[in-house]
């Protein structure tokens, strides 16, 4: 009897255009915005990020990551009967049709399986994995493709150096399947809408036009303070649910937002730096894509192997946070 959902394939994709801090500093300087490589790196740990070219959408990135995950799982596209896409930068204004439905079409999947988007910003991938885990354990679906895909470069205000230097574009994916072997061991999700305003895109569409700002807004100090508090708590809560100790974690794969937040969480869990997967230096903050991007990199370079316990956790606008603990 299948009583678990298990990751059987990972994939990721970064748009070819790599933007270094030096290039971004030059771009901002042309508009009179002063910054430097040292200023960016010392506050975030970021050296570079990737941006899409005009016309490239979140679904395009998601399809490429999804194809790689499906191939790694040894499946055909039409074996996938559930697609969940975590994104804050969906293909269409208003968010519909869902990016997941567009990914389904572009993958050529014709089995009438379910497809939906999850919106929890940088926590989105963790939320999506927890949702897929529940669907699979219930018997409703067998093979799920979970994608985090973002084109944050489209919602950045390049006159606001406090935010525009932090984010990048990309996509990551996993395939989860019904299994009799341990896979997802525990997950915990939380939200607190009282903090909705500290990380948001405050505009909306009204009568066919934009009302308000379509740029990302972030209260950096408030986000930092809340993040370091809730990430430790949800990690411990998830470990307790799985009846494991932090010493039994083989790898921590946190949301790649800020190296100082990531290091703080690892220290509080008593984990050495070498047990934490870090890609924020080369990818920047790719929101819902950051965890699966980092996971795929560590799987493909051989660090994360079958049998390893991997704790993934994220925090994002909403305010949302969550963690999922898996045995690979």
C-alpha atoms as a PDB file:
ATOM      1  CA  UNK A   1       0.000   0.000   0.000  1.00  0.00           C
ATOM      2  CA  UNK A   2       1.261   3.467  -0.899  1.00  0.00           C
ATOM      3  CA  UNK A   3       1.353   5.624   2.221  1.00  0.00           C
ATOM      4  CA  UNK A   4       3.921   8.234   1.181  1.00  0.00           C
ATOM      5  CA  UNK A   5       4.637  10.708  -1.554  1.00  0.00           C
ATOM      6  CA  UNK A   6       8.255  10.693  -2.670  1.00  0.00           C
ATOM      7  CA  UNK A   7      10.460  12.893  -4.859  1.00  0.00           C
ATOM      8  CA  UNK A   8      11.718  10.835  -7.808  1.00  0.00           C
ATOM      9  CA  UNK A   9      13.066  13.580 -10.070  1.00  0.00           C
ATOM     10  CA  UNK A  10      14.331  17.162  -9.910  1.00  0.00           C
ATOM     11  CA  UNK A  11      14.978  19.795 -12.556  1.00  0.00           C
ATOM     12  CA  UNK A  12      15.763  23.488 -12.915  1.00  0.00           C
ATOM     13  CA  UNK A  13      16.276  26.201 -15.491  1.00  0.00           C
ATOM     14  CA  UNK A  14      17.880  29.641 -15.446  1.00  0.00           C
ATOM     15  CA  UNK A  15      17.469  32.126 -18.292  1.00  0.00           C
ATOM     16  CA  UNK A  16      20.770  32.576 -20.145  1.00  0.00           C
ATOM     17  CA  UNK A  17      21.240  36.248 -19.297  1.00  0.00           C
ATOM     18  CA  UNK A  18      23.445  36.459 -16.192  1.00  0.00           C
ATOM     19  CA  UNK A  19      23.617  39.892 -14.548  1.00  0.00           C
ATOM     20  CA  UNK A  20      26.530  40.514 -12.185  1.00  0.00           C
ATOM     21  CA  UNK A  21      26.580  43.099  -9.428  1.00  0.00           C
ATOM     22  CA  UNK A  22      29.032  45.128 -11.506  1.00  0.00           C
ATOM     23  CA  UNK A  23      26.666  45.196 -14.471  1.00  0.00           C
ATOM     24  CA  UNK A  24      23.721  46.108 -12.266  1.00  0.00           C
ATOM     25  CA  UNK A  25      25.764  48.850 -10.567  1.00  0.00           C
ATOM     26  CA  UNK A  26      26.534  50.333 -13.981  1.00  0.00           C
ATOM     27  CA  UNK A  27      22.880  50.126 -15.013  1.00  0.00           C
ATOM     28  CA  UNK A  28      21.700  51.873 -11.866  1.00  0.00           C
ATOM     29  CA  UNK A  29      24.498  54.439 -12.062  1.00  0.00           C
ATOM     30  CA  UNK A  30      23.234  55.543 -15.474  1.00  0.00           C
ATOM     31  CA  UNK A  31      20.061  56.662 -13.682  1.00  0.00           C
ATOM     32  CA  UNK A  32      21.968  58.324 -10.846  1.00  0.00           C
ATOM     33  CA  UNK A  33      21.375  55.492  -8.351  1.00  0.00           C
ATOM     34  CA  UNK A  34      24.556  54.879  -6.385  1.00  0.00           C
ATOM     35  CA  UNK A  35      25.463  51.343  -5.322  1.00  0.00           C
ATOM     36  CA  UNK A  36      28.387  48.936  -5.513  1.00  0.00           C
ATOM     37  CA  UNK A  37      29.248  45.272  -5.655  1.00  0.00           C
ATOM     38  CA  UNK A  38      30.452  45.436  -2.038  1.00  0.00           C
ATOM     39  CA  UNK A  39      27.242  47.143  -0.862  1.00  0.00           C
ATOM     40  CA  UNK A  40      25.058  44.464  -2.496  1.00  0.00           C
ATOM     41  CA  UNK A  41      27.146  41.467  -1.430  1.00  0.00           C
ATOM     42  CA  UNK A  42      27.683  42.550   2.174  1.00  0.00           C
ATOM     43  CA  UNK A  43      23.933  42.937   2.747  1.00  0.00           C
ATOM     44  CA  UNK A  44      22.661  39.909   0.828  1.00  0.00           C
ATOM     45  CA  UNK A  45      25.444  37.523  -0.197  1.00  0.00           C
ATOM     46  CA  UNK A  46      24.435  38.000  -3.845  1.00  0.00           C
ATOM     47  CA  UNK A  47      27.037  38.239  -6.636  1.00  0.00           C
ATOM     48  CA  UNK A  48      24.818  37.666  -9.680  1.00  0.00           C
ATOM     49  CA  UNK A  49      21.317  36.830 -10.827  1.00  0.00           C
ATOM     50  CA  UNK A  50      19.579  35.859 -14.091  1.00  0.00           C
ATOM     51  CA  UNK A  51      16.993  37.860 -16.048  1.00  0.00           C
ATOM     52  CA  UNK A  52      14.641  36.719 -18.793  1.00  0.00           C
ATOM     53  CA  UNK A  53      14.617  38.279 -22.236  1.00  0.00           C
ATOM     54  CA  UNK A  54      11.527  40.175 -23.458  1.00  0.00           C
ATOM     55  CA  UNK A  55       8.613  37.870 -24.180  1.00  0.00           C
ATOM     56  CA  UNK A  56       9.772  35.018 -21.937  1.00  0.00           C
ATOM     57  CA  UNK A  57       7.131  34.042 -19.377  1.00  0.00           C
ATOM     58  CA  UNK A  58       7.058  32.101 -16.117  1.00  0.00           C
ATOM     59  CA  UNK A  59       5.467  29.165 -17.948  1.00  0.00           C
ATOM     60  CA  UNK A  60       8.407  29.045 -20.382  1.00  0.00           C
ATOM     61  CA  UNK A  61      10.877  28.716 -17.513  1.00  0.00           C
ATOM     62  CA  UNK A  62       8.609  26.241 -15.729  1.00  0.00           C
ATOM     63  CA  UNK A  63       8.320  24.001 -18.778  1.00  0.00           C
ATOM     64  CA  UNK A  64      12.098  23.716 -19.113  1.00  0.00           C
ATOM     65  CA  UNK A  65      12.525  22.864 -15.423  1.00  0.00           C
ATOM     66  CA  UNK A  66       9.573  20.475 -15.623  1.00  0.00           C
ATOM     67  CA  UNK A  67      10.942  18.605 -18.627  1.00  0.00           C
ATOM     68  CA  UNK A  68      14.213  18.011 -16.791  1.00  0.00           C
ATOM     69  CA  UNK A  69      12.426  16.785 -13.669  1.00  0.00           C
ATOM     70  CA  UNK A  70      10.191  14.446 -15.685  1.00  0.00           C
ATOM     71  CA  UNK A  71      13.221  13.039 -17.515  1.00  0.00           C
ATOM     72  CA  UNK A  72      15.058  12.524 -14.208  1.00  0.00           C
ATOM     73  CA  UNK A  73      12.014  10.661 -12.876  1.00  0.00           C
ATOM     74  CA  UNK A  74      12.035   8.335 -15.889  1.00  0.00           C
ATOM     75  CA  UNK A  75       8.473   9.272 -16.806  1.00  0.00           C
ATOM     76  CA  UNK A  76       6.709  10.570 -19.892  1.00  0.00           C
ATOM     77  CA  UNK A  77       4.890  13.906 -19.745  1.00  0.00           C
ATOM     78  CA  UNK A  78       1.493  12.229 -19.976  1.00  0.00           C
ATOM     79  CA  UNK A  79       2.251  10.220 -16.840  1.00  0.00           C
ATOM     80  CA  UNK A  80       1.825  13.467 -14.882  1.00  0.00           C
ATOM     81  CA  UNK A  81      -1.741  13.744 -13.555  1.00  0.00           C
ATOM     82  CA  UNK A  82      -1.266  16.769 -11.290  1.00  0.00           C
ATOM     83  CA  UNK A  83       0.608  20.012 -11.943  1.00  0.00           C
ATOM     84  CA  UNK A  84       1.043  22.647  -9.256  1.00  0.00           C
ATOM     85  CA  UNK A  85       2.906  25.848 -10.113  1.00  0.00           C
ATOM     86  CA  UNK A  86       4.022  28.172  -7.338  1.00  0.00           C
ATOM     87  CA  UNK A  87       4.430  31.668  -8.764  1.00  0.00           C
ATOM     88  CA  UNK A  88       3.811  35.322  -7.990  1.00  0.00           C
ATOM     89  CA  UNK A  89       4.473  36.351 -11.594  1.00  0.00           C
ATOM     90  CA  UNK A  90       1.862  34.411 -13.530  1.00  0.00           C
ATOM     91  CA  UNK A  91       1.639  34.656 -17.302  1.00  0.00           C
ATOM     92  CA  UNK A  92      -1.603  36.652 -17.323  1.00  0.00           C
ATOM     93  CA  UNK A  93      -2.907  39.728 -15.524  1.00  0.00           C
ATOM     94  CA  UNK A  94      -5.476  38.620 -13.013  1.00  0.00           C
ATOM     95  CA  UNK A  95      -3.691  35.285 -12.709  1.00  0.00           C
ATOM     96  CA  UNK A  96      -5.895  33.296 -15.076  1.00  0.00           C
ATOM     97  CA  UNK A  97      -5.806  31.029 -16.845  1.00  0.00           C
ATOM     98  CA  UNK A  98      -3.401  29.556 -14.337  1.00  0.00           C
ATOM     99  CA  UNK A  99       0.245  29.231 -15.256  1.00  0.00           C
ATOM    100  CA  UNK A 100      -0.140  25.532 -14.413  1.00  0.00           C
ATOM    101  CA  UNK A 101      -2.723  25.096 -17.173  1.00  0.00           C
ATOM    102  CA  UNK A 102      -0.410  26.827 -19.637  1.00  0.00           C
ATOM    103  CA  UNK A 103       2.469  24.575 -18.559  1.00  0.00           C
ATOM    104  CA  UNK A 104       0.208  21.558 -19.034  1.00  0.00           C
ATOM    105  CA  UNK A 105      -0.544  22.672 -22.600  1.00  0.00           C
ATOM    106  CA  UNK A 106       3.073  23.430 -23.450  1.00  0.00           C
ATOM    107  CA  UNK A 107       4.155  20.013 -22.134  1.00  0.00           C
ATOM    108  CA  UNK A 108       1.579  18.362 -24.382  1.00  0.00           C
ATOM    109  CA  UNK A 109      -0.206  16.649 -21.487  1.00  0.00           C
ATOM    110  CA  UNK A 110      -3.672  15.461 -22.578  1.00  0.00           C
ATOM    111  CA  UNK A 111      -4.789  13.158 -19.757  1.00  0.00           C
ATOM    112  CA  UNK A 112      -7.221  15.655 -18.175  1.00  0.00           C
ATOM    113  CA  UNK A 113      -5.266  15.688 -14.924  1.00  0.00           C
ATOM    114  CA  UNK A 114      -5.567  18.599 -12.522  1.00  0.00           C
ATOM    115  CA  UNK A 115      -3.543  21.811 -12.787  1.00  0.00           C
ATOM    116  CA  UNK A 116      -3.497  24.757 -10.403  1.00  0.00           C
ATOM    117  CA  UNK A 117      -1.364  27.638  -9.176  1.00  0.00           C
ATOM    118  CA  UNK A 118      -0.357  28.281  -5.587  1.00  0.00           C
ATOM    119  CA  UNK A 119       0.323  31.852  -4.454  1.00  0.00           C
ATOM    120  CA  UNK A 120       2.372  32.082  -1.280  1.00  0.00           C
ATOM    121  CA  UNK A 121       5.238  34.136  -2.773  1.00  0.00           C
ATOM    122  CA  UNK A 122       8.630  32.878  -1.547  1.00  0.00           C
ATOM    123  CA  UNK A 123       6.973  30.130   0.532  1.00  0.00           C
ATOM    124  CA  UNK A 124       5.084  28.965  -2.537  1.00  0.00           C
ATOM    125  CA  UNK A 125       7.129  25.887  -3.349  1.00  0.00           C
ATOM    126  CA  UNK A 126       6.870  24.533   0.194  1.00  0.00           C
ATOM    127  CA  UNK A 127       3.114  25.189   0.129  1.00  0.00           C
ATOM    128  CA  UNK A 128       2.811  23.441  -3.251  1.00  0.00           C
ATOM    129  CA  UNK A 129       4.738  20.385  -2.050  1.00  0.00           C
ATOM    130  CA  UNK A 130       2.489  20.080   0.998  1.00  0.00           C
ATOM    131  CA  UNK A 131      -0.616  20.308  -1.204  1.00  0.00           C
ATOM    132  CA  UNK A 132       0.734  17.683  -3.616  1.00  0.00           C
ATOM    133  CA  UNK A 133       1.656  15.413  -0.699  1.00  0.00           C
ATOM    134  CA  UNK A 134      -1.936  15.513   0.536  1.00  0.00           C
ATOM    135  CA  UNK A 135      -3.373  14.824  -2.930  1.00  0.00           C
ATOM    136  CA  UNK A 136      -1.063  11.858  -3.473  1.00  0.00           C
ATOM    137  CA  UNK A 137      -1.595  10.354  -0.019  1.00  0.00           C
ATOM    138  CA  UNK A 138      -5.368  10.610  -0.510  1.00  0.00           C
ATOM    139  CA  UNK A 139      -5.112   8.519  -3.673  1.00  0.00           C
ATOM    140  CA  UNK A 140      -6.535  11.287  -5.848  1.00  0.00           C
ATOM    141  CA  UNK A 141      -3.344  11.580  -7.913  1.00  0.00           C
ATOM    142  CA  UNK A 142      -0.294   9.431  -8.572  1.00  0.00           C
ATOM    143  CA  UNK A 143       2.389  11.546 -10.280  1.00  0.00           C
ATOM    144  CA  UNK A 144       2.649  15.251  -9.492  1.00  0.00           C
ATOM    145  CA  UNK A 145       4.855  17.868 -11.135  1.00  0.00           C
ATOM    146  CA  UNK A 146       5.588  20.687  -8.686  1.00  0.00           C
ATOM    147  CA  UNK A 147       7.150  23.824 -10.178  1.00  0.00           C
ATOM    148  CA  UNK A 148       8.360  27.102  -8.745  1.00  0.00           C
ATOM    149  CA  UNK A 149       8.749  29.651 -11.555  1.00  0.00           C
ATOM    150  CA  UNK A 150       9.305  33.399 -11.363  1.00  0.00           C
ATOM    151  CA  UNK A 151      10.101  36.401 -13.574  1.00  0.00           C
ATOM    152  CA  UNK A 152      10.618  38.931 -10.795  1.00  0.00           C
ATOM    153  CA  UNK A 153      12.701  41.194 -13.043  1.00  0.00           C
ATOM    154  CA  UNK A 154       9.380  42.392 -14.513  1.00  0.00           C
ATOM    155  CA  UNK A 155       8.124  43.784 -11.183  1.00  0.00           C
ATOM    156  CA  UNK A 156      11.316  45.447  -9.925  1.00  0.00           C
ATOM    157  CA  UNK A 157      11.669  49.209  -9.568  1.00  0.00           C
ATOM    158  CA  UNK A 158      15.202  49.896 -10.784  1.00  0.00           C
ATOM    159  CA  UNK A 159      15.170  53.221  -8.970  1.00  0.00           C
ATOM    160  CA  UNK A 160      14.901  51.395  -5.633  1.00  0.00           C
ATOM    161  CA  UNK A 161      18.299  49.846  -4.970  1.00  0.00           C
ATOM    162  CA  UNK A 162      17.107  48.268  -1.726  1.00  0.00           C
ATOM    163  CA  UNK A 163      14.942  45.802  -3.679  1.00  0.00           C
ATOM    164  CA  UNK A 164      16.021  45.672  -7.314  1.00  0.00           C
ATOM    165  CA  UNK A 165      19.460  44.208  -6.533  1.00  0.00           C
ATOM    166  CA  UNK A 166      18.009  41.250  -4.639  1.00  0.00           C
ATOM    167  CA  UNK A 167      15.797  39.369  -7.069  1.00  0.00           C
ATOM    168  CA  UNK A 168      16.241  37.212 -10.146  1.00  0.00           C
ATOM    169  CA  UNK A 169      14.361  34.927 -12.518  1.00  0.00           C
ATOM    170  CA  UNK A 170      14.351  31.141 -12.789  1.00  0.00           C
ATOM    171  CA  UNK A 171      12.444  27.913 -12.259  1.00  0.00           C
ATOM    172  CA  UNK A 172      12.860  24.657 -10.393  1.00  0.00           C
ATOM    173  CA  UNK A 173      10.749  21.522 -10.288  1.00  0.00           C
ATOM    174  CA  UNK A 174      10.288  18.133  -8.673  1.00  0.00           C
ATOM    175  CA  UNK A 175       8.236  15.096  -9.601  1.00  0.00           C
ATOM    176  CA  UNK A 176       6.500  13.444  -6.649  1.00  0.00           C
ATOM    177  CA  UNK A 177       4.878  10.018  -6.844  1.00  0.00           C
ATOM    178  CA  UNK A 178       2.941   7.624  -4.643  1.00  0.00           C
ATOM    179  CA  UNK A 179       5.352   5.338  -2.807  1.00  0.00           C
ATOM    180  CA  UNK A 180       5.500   2.664  -0.128  1.00  0.00           C
ATOM    181  CA  UNK A 181       8.901   4.057   0.929  1.00  0.00           C
ATOM    182  CA  UNK A 182       9.275   7.132   3.176  1.00  0.00           C
ATOM    183  CA  UNK A 183       9.325  10.382   1.237  1.00  0.00           C
ATOM    184  CA  UNK A 184       7.640  13.456   2.659  1.00  0.00           C
ATOM    185  CA  UNK A 185       8.017  12.922   6.402  1.00  0.00           C
ATOM    186  CA  UNK A 186       6.265  16.069   7.654  1.00  0.00           C
ATOM    187  CA  UNK A 187       5.225  19.548   6.564  1.00  0.00           C
ATOM    188  CA  UNK A 188       3.983  22.627   8.392  1.00  0.00           C
ATOM    189  CA  UNK A 189       2.462  25.745   6.830  1.00  0.00           C
ATOM    190  CA  UNK A 190       1.594  29.098   8.402  1.00  0.00           C
ATOM    191  CA  UNK A 191       0.439  32.597   7.500  1.00  0.00           C
ATOM    192  CA  UNK A 192      -0.256  35.890   9.248  1.00  0.00           C
ATOM    193  CA  UNK A 193      -2.105  38.434   7.143  1.00  0.00           C
ATOM    194  CA  UNK A 194      -1.416  41.193   9.662  1.00  0.00           C
ATOM    195  CA  UNK A 195       1.983  41.558   7.961  1.00  0.00           C
ATOM    196  CA  UNK A 196       0.618  41.691   4.398  1.00  0.00           C
ATOM    197  CA  UNK A 197       1.987  45.180   3.762  1.00  0.00           C
ATOM    198  CA  UNK A 198       5.665  44.526   4.537  1.00  0.00           C
ATOM    199  CA  UNK A 199       6.242  42.575   1.301  1.00  0.00           C
ATOM    200  CA  UNK A 200       3.786  43.107  -1.519  1.00  0.00           C
ATOM    201  CA  UNK A 201       2.978  44.469  -4.955  1.00  0.00           C
ATOM    202  CA  UNK A 202       0.332  47.005  -3.926  1.00  0.00           C
ATOM    203  CA  UNK A 203      -1.273  47.763  -7.299  1.00  0.00           C
ATOM    204  CA  UNK A 204      -4.310  46.172  -8.922  1.00  0.00           C
ATOM    205  CA  UNK A 205      -6.101  46.166 -12.264  1.00  0.00           C
ATOM    206  CA  UNK A 206      -9.229  48.292 -12.433  1.00  0.00           C
ATOM    207  CA  UNK A 207     -11.304  49.003 -15.542  1.00  0.00           C
ATOM    208  CA  UNK A 208      -8.566  47.685 -17.781  1.00  0.00           C
ATOM    209  CA  UNK A 209      -5.829  49.852 -16.294  1.00  0.00           C
ATOM    210  CA  UNK A 210      -3.303  49.642 -13.483  1.00  0.00           C
ATOM    211  CA  UNK A 211      -4.368  51.277 -10.237  1.00  0.00           C
ATOM    212  CA  UNK A 212      -1.458  51.869  -7.893  1.00  0.00           C
ATOM    213  CA  UNK A 213       2.059  50.490  -8.217  1.00  0.00           C
ATOM    214  CA  UNK A 214       2.985  47.289 -10.044  1.00  0.00           C
ATOM    215  CA  UNK A 215       6.447  47.278  -8.445  1.00  0.00           C
ATOM    216  CA  UNK A 216       7.532  45.093  -5.554  1.00  0.00           C
ATOM    217  CA  UNK A 217       7.533  46.873  -2.202  1.00  0.00           C
ATOM    218  CA  UNK A 218       9.481  45.549   0.777  1.00  0.00           C
ATOM    219  CA  UNK A 219      10.125  46.760   4.292  1.00  0.00           C
ATOM    220  CA  UNK A 220      13.510  45.056   4.547  1.00  0.00           C
ATOM    221  CA  UNK A 221      14.135  45.357   8.315  1.00  0.00           C
ATOM    222  CA  UNK A 222      10.621  44.133   9.149  1.00  0.00           C
ATOM    223  CA  UNK A 223      10.916  41.160   6.792  1.00  0.00           C
ATOM    224  CA  UNK A 224      14.348  40.247   8.189  1.00  0.00           C
ATOM    225  CA  UNK A 225      13.166  40.364  11.794  1.00  0.00           C
ATOM    226  CA  UNK A 226      10.088  38.247  11.155  1.00  0.00           C
ATOM    227  CA  UNK A 227      11.917  35.761   8.918  1.00  0.00           C
ATOM    228  CA  UNK A 228      14.641  34.858  11.401  1.00  0.00           C
ATOM    229  CA  UNK A 229      11.998  34.289  14.073  1.00  0.00           C
ATOM    230  CA  UNK A 230       9.498  32.118  12.198  1.00  0.00           C
ATOM    231  CA  UNK A 231      11.993  30.005  10.228  1.00  0.00           C
ATOM    232  CA  UNK A 232      13.570  28.547  13.353  1.00  0.00           C
ATOM    233  CA  UNK A 233      10.160  27.824  14.870  1.00  0.00           C
ATOM    234  CA  UNK A 234       8.701  26.105  11.798  1.00  0.00           C
ATOM    235  CA  UNK A 235      11.850  24.027  11.326  1.00  0.00           C
ATOM    236  CA  UNK A 236      11.622  22.707  14.889  1.00  0.00           C
ATOM    237  CA  UNK A 237       7.878  22.171  14.545  1.00  0.00           C
ATOM    238  CA  UNK A 238       8.403  20.100  11.383  1.00  0.00           C
ATOM    239  CA  UNK A 239      11.188  18.044  12.942  1.00  0.00           C
ATOM    240  CA  UNK A 240       9.006  17.346  15.961  1.00  0.00           C
ATOM    241  CA  UNK A 241       6.172  16.192  13.705  1.00  0.00           C
ATOM    242  CA  UNK A 242       8.558  13.740  12.040  1.00  0.00           C
ATOM    243  CA  UNK A 243      10.029  12.732  15.416  1.00  0.00           C
ATOM    244  CA  UNK A 244      13.526  13.631  14.290  1.00  0.00           C
ATOM    245  CA  UNK A 245      16.302  15.746  15.809  1.00  0.00           C
ATOM    246  CA  UNK A 246      18.119  18.520  13.961  1.00  0.00           C
ATOM    247  CA  UNK A 247      21.246  16.330  14.122  1.00  0.00           C
ATOM    248  CA  UNK A 248      19.442  13.919  11.781  1.00  0.00           C
ATOM    249  CA  UNK A 249      19.142  16.543   9.024  1.00  0.00           C
ATOM    250  CA  UNK A 250      21.571  15.778   6.213  1.00  0.00           C
ATOM    251  CA  UNK A 251      20.829  18.954   4.269  1.00  0.00           C
ATOM    252  CA  UNK A 252      19.087  22.261   4.875  1.00  0.00           C
ATOM    253  CA  UNK A 253      17.721  23.801   1.671  1.00  0.00           C
ATOM    254  CA  UNK A 254      16.317  27.178   2.725  1.00  0.00           C
ATOM    255  CA  UNK A 255      14.653  29.834   0.626  1.00  0.00           C
ATOM    256  CA  UNK A 256      17.560  31.729  -0.926  1.00  0.00           C
ATOM    257  CA  UNK A 257      16.637  35.264   0.122  1.00  0.00           C
ATOM    258  CA  UNK A 258      19.522  36.594   2.139  1.00  0.00           C
ATOM    259  CA  UNK A 259      22.645  34.793   3.322  1.00  0.00           C
ATOM    260  CA  UNK A 260      22.377  36.318   6.800  1.00  0.00           C
ATOM    261  CA  UNK A 261      18.849  34.955   7.306  1.00  0.00           C
ATOM    262  CA  UNK A 262      19.971  31.551   6.029  1.00  0.00           C
ATOM    263  CA  UNK A 263      23.039  31.422   8.265  1.00  0.00           C
ATOM    264  CA  UNK A 264      21.000  32.497  11.295  1.00  0.00           C
ATOM    265  CA  UNK A 265      18.560  29.618  10.799  1.00  0.00           C
ATOM    266  CA  UNK A 266      21.358  27.064  10.397  1.00  0.00           C
ATOM    267  CA  UNK A 267      23.058  28.284  13.573  1.00  0.00           C
ATOM    268  CA  UNK A 268      19.860  28.111  15.596  1.00  0.00           C
ATOM    269  CA  UNK A 269      19.341  24.523  14.441  1.00  0.00           C
ATOM    270  CA  UNK A 270      22.921  23.650  15.340  1.00  0.00           C
ATOM    271  CA  UNK A 271      23.772  22.793  11.726  1.00  0.00           C
ATOM    272  CA  UNK A 272      27.287  23.402  10.362  1.00  0.00           C
ATOM    273  CA  UNK A 273      27.533  25.681   7.292  1.00  0.00           C
ATOM    274  CA  UNK A 274      28.566  22.770   5.074  1.00  0.00           C
ATOM    275  CA  UNK A 275      25.128  21.161   5.580  1.00  0.00           C
ATOM    276  CA  UNK A 276      23.313  24.128   4.029  1.00  0.00           C
ATOM    277  CA  UNK A 277      22.823  24.405   0.270  1.00  0.00           C
ATOM    278  CA  UNK A 278      23.598  27.953  -0.893  1.00  0.00           C
ATOM    279  CA  UNK A 279      22.799  29.311  -4.362  1.00  0.00           C
ATOM    280  CA  UNK A 280      21.762  32.868  -3.447  1.00  0.00           C
ATOM    281  CA  UNK A 281      25.236  34.105  -4.454  1.00  0.00           C
ATOM    282  CA  UNK A 282      24.666  33.127  -8.102  1.00  0.00           C
ATOM    283  CA  UNK A 283      20.860  33.162  -8.423  1.00  0.00           C
ATOM    284  CA  UNK A 284      19.734  35.995  -6.152  1.00  0.00           C
ATOM    285  CA  UNK A 285      16.281  35.667  -4.635  1.00  0.00           C
ATOM    286  CA  UNK A 286      14.124  33.789  -7.153  1.00  0.00           C
ATOM    287  CA  UNK A 287      11.121  33.643  -4.797  1.00  0.00           C
ATOM    288  CA  UNK A 288       9.138  30.402  -5.251  1.00  0.00           C
ATOM    289  CA  UNK A 289      11.824  29.049  -7.595  1.00  0.00           C
ATOM    290  CA  UNK A 290      14.701  29.351  -5.134  1.00  0.00           C
ATOM    291  CA  UNK A 291      14.236  26.140  -3.127  1.00  0.00           C
ATOM    292  CA  UNK A 292      13.768  23.770  -6.104  1.00  0.00           C
ATOM    293  CA  UNK A 293      16.639  25.477  -7.956  1.00  0.00           C
ATOM    294  CA  UNK A 294      18.940  24.862  -5.001  1.00  0.00           C
ATOM    295  CA  UNK A 295      17.616  21.329  -4.473  1.00  0.00           C
ATOM    296  CA  UNK A 296      18.210  20.352  -8.102  1.00  0.00           C
ATOM    297  CA  UNK A 297      21.730  21.764  -8.087  1.00  0.00           C
ATOM    298  CA  UNK A 298      22.646  19.762  -4.985  1.00  0.00           C
ATOM    299  CA  UNK A 299      21.051  16.580  -6.372  1.00  0.00           C
ATOM    300  CA  UNK A 300      22.847  16.869  -9.686  1.00  0.00           C
ATOM    301  CA  UNK A 301      26.249  17.616  -8.192  1.00  0.00           C
ATOM    302  CA  UNK A 302      25.926  14.555  -5.953  1.00  0.00           C
ATOM    303  CA  UNK A 303      25.640  16.201  -2.561  1.00  0.00           C
ATOM    304  CA  UNK A 304      22.041  15.161  -1.941  1.00  0.00           C
ATOM    305  CA  UNK A 305      21.641  11.414  -2.397  1.00  0.00           C
ATOM    306  CA  UNK A 306      18.927   8.784  -1.862  1.00  0.00           C
ATOM    307  CA  UNK A 307      18.208   8.280   1.823  1.00  0.00           C
ATOM    308  CA  UNK A 308      19.262  11.783   2.856  1.00  0.00           C
ATOM    309  CA  UNK A 309      16.926  13.781   5.094  1.00  0.00           C
ATOM    310  CA  UNK A 310      16.402  17.208   3.545  1.00  0.00           C
ATOM    311  CA  UNK A 311      14.663  20.094   5.282  1.00  0.00           C
ATOM    312  CA  UNK A 312      13.263  22.753   2.943  1.00  0.00           C
ATOM    313  CA  UNK A 313      11.807  25.957   4.382  1.00  0.00           C
ATOM    314  CA  UNK A 314      10.673  29.318   3.116  1.00  0.00           C
ATOM    315  CA  UNK A 315       9.166  32.611   4.164  1.00  0.00           C
ATOM    316  CA  UNK A 316       7.409  35.133   1.938  1.00  0.00           C
ATOM    317  CA  UNK A 317       4.825  37.819   1.415  1.00  0.00           C
ATOM    318  CA  UNK A 318       1.435  37.298   2.925  1.00  0.00           C
ATOM    319  CA  UNK A 319       3.075  36.917   5.404  1.00  0.00           C
ATOM    320  CA  UNK A 320       3.604  33.163   4.806  1.00  0.00           C
ATOM    321  CA  UNK A 321       6.088  30.601   5.999  1.00  0.00           C
ATOM    322  CA  UNK A 322       6.464  26.841   6.040  1.00  0.00           C
ATOM    323  CA  UNK A 323       8.748  23.827   5.942  1.00  0.00           C
ATOM    324  CA  UNK A 324       8.740  20.337   4.480  1.00  0.00           C
ATOM    325  CA  UNK A 325      11.018  17.496   5.547  1.00  0.00           C
ATOM    326  CA  UNK A 326      11.701  14.765   3.011  1.00  0.00           C
ATOM    327  CA  UNK A 327      13.698  11.564   2.785  1.00  0.00           C
ATOM    328  CA  UNK A 328      15.172  11.508  -0.709  1.00  0.00           C
END
